[in-house]
Amino acid sequence: MAVFVLLIAALPLLYFVFRMLSATDVPKIKNLPEIPGVPVFGNLLQLGSEHARVAASWVKKYGPVFQARLGNRVHLPSPSSSSSSSYWLEKSWRSQSS
């Protein structure tokens, strides 16, 4: 019985610790593709030792600009500066015209 009460008391603490570890530094950006990852690690486990090939496959699947969580940080990888700048210019033009 005491173990059960201790377990019930520990659940909110475990939930709080989990939420703190999986929190990111920046909120998600709307309408920008995000690669699904695991809590706490984000997409670090998916990258592995072949990170360049994995990132290239993400570019083919999600487009030239996307969001990836590496640990608790959100990164916006892009294959080139021209693709990212053209994406942001197009996005700002759309938001101003609507």
Protein backbone atom coordinates (compact mmCIF):
# COMPACT_ATOMS: atom_id res chain seq x y z
CA MET A 1 0.00 0.00 0.00
CA ALA A 2 2.81 2.42 0.86
CA VAL A 3 4.52 1.70 -2.48
CA PHE A 4 1.29 2.47 -4.32
CA VAL A 5 0.88 5.82 -2.51
CA LEU A 6 4.51 6.69 -3.21
CA LEU A 7 4.04 5.86 -6.89
CA ILE A 8 0.93 8.04 -7.12
CA ALA A 9 2.78 10.89 -5.40
CA ALA A 10 5.75 10.56 -7.80
CA LEU A 11 3.66 10.73 -11.00
CA PRO A 12 3.17 14.54 -10.99
CA LEU A 13 6.88 15.02 -10.33
CA LEU A 14 7.81 12.72 -13.21
CA TYR A 15 5.37 14.53 -15.49
CA PHE A 16 6.86 17.91 -14.55
CA VAL A 17 10.43 16.69 -15.17
CA PHE A 18 9.41 15.22 -18.55
CA ARG A 19 7.75 18.50 -19.58
CA MET A 20 10.82 20.51 -18.57
CA LEU A 21 13.20 18.24 -20.49
CA SER A 22 11.13 18.26 -23.66
CA ALA A 23 10.52 22.02 -23.71
CA THR A 24 12.10 23.93 -26.59
CA ASP A 25 13.73 27.33 -26.63
CA VAL A 26 11.62 28.61 -29.55
CA PRO A 27 7.98 27.96 -30.43
CA LYS A 28 7.13 26.13 -33.62
CA ILE A 29 6.78 28.24 -36.77
CA LYS A 30 3.38 27.95 -38.44
CA ASN A 31 3.20 26.58 -41.99
CA LEU A 32 6.80 25.39 -41.91
CA PRO A 33 7.25 21.61 -42.16
CA GLU A 34 8.48 19.98 -38.97
CA ILE A 35 10.24 16.64 -38.80
CA PRO A 36 8.62 14.38 -36.20
CA GLY A 37 11.03 13.45 -33.43
CA VAL A 38 11.14 11.87 -30.00
CA PRO A 39 10.65 13.83 -26.77
CA VAL A 40 13.82 15.10 -25.09
CA PHE A 41 16.14 14.09 -27.98
CA GLY A 42 14.17 15.57 -30.89
CA ASN A 43 15.72 14.42 -34.15
CA LEU A 44 19.21 13.69 -32.80
CA LEU A 45 18.63 9.93 -32.77
CA GLN A 46 17.45 9.97 -36.39
CA LEU A 47 20.60 11.73 -37.60
CA GLY A 48 23.04 9.11 -36.33
CA SER A 49 26.47 8.94 -37.97
CA GLU A 50 25.12 9.51 -41.48
CA HIS A 51 23.77 12.98 -40.68
CA ALA A 52 24.53 14.47 -44.11
CA ARG A 53 22.61 11.75 -45.95
CA VAL A 54 19.72 11.93 -43.50
CA ALA A 55 19.54 15.71 -43.89
CA ALA A 56 19.59 15.33 -47.69
CA SER A 57 16.68 12.89 -47.50
CA TRP A 58 14.79 15.37 -45.29
CA VAL A 59 15.32 18.08 -47.93
CA LYS A 60 13.83 15.78 -50.59
CA LYS A 61 10.87 14.91 -48.36
CA TYR A 62 10.09 18.21 -46.59
CA GLY A 63 11.43 20.84 -48.99
CA PRO A 64 14.30 23.33 -48.86
CA VAL A 65 13.43 24.86 -45.45
CA PHE A 66 12.05 22.91 -42.47
CA GLN A 67 12.16 22.69 -38.68
CA ALA A 68 14.19 20.06 -36.85
CA ARG A 69 14.58 19.66 -33.10
CA LEU A 70 18.10 18.84 -31.99
CA GLY A 71 17.79 18.19 -28.29
CA ASN A 72 15.69 21.00 -26.89
CA ARG A 73 16.61 23.49 -29.62
CA VAL A 74 14.69 24.15 -32.83
CA HIS A 75 16.88 24.50 -35.93
CA LEU A 76 15.96 25.58 -39.45
CA PRO A 77 18.40 23.74 -41.71
CA SER A 78 18.60 24.79 -45.33
CA PRO A 79 20.74 23.39 -48.17
CA SER A 80 21.75 26.87 -49.36
CA SER A 81 21.37 30.47 -48.33
CA SER A 82 19.55 31.32 -51.55
CA SER A 83 16.81 28.74 -50.93
CA SER A 84 16.22 29.96 -47.38
CA SER A 85 16.24 33.64 -48.32
CA SER A 86 13.85 33.08 -51.24
CA TYR A 87 11.56 31.09 -48.93
CA TRP A 88 11.42 33.88 -46.32
CA LEU A 89 10.95 36.58 -48.97
CA GLU A 90 8.08 34.65 -50.54
CA LYS A 91 6.54 34.05 -47.11
CA SER A 92 6.76 37.72 -46.12
CA TRP A 93 5.26 38.77 -49.46
CA ARG A 94 2.33 36.40 -48.96
CA SER A 95 1.66 37.64 -45.44
CA GLN A 96 1.71 41.29 -46.56
CA SER A 97 -0.60 40.72 -49.52
CA SER A 98 -3.28 38.90 -47.52
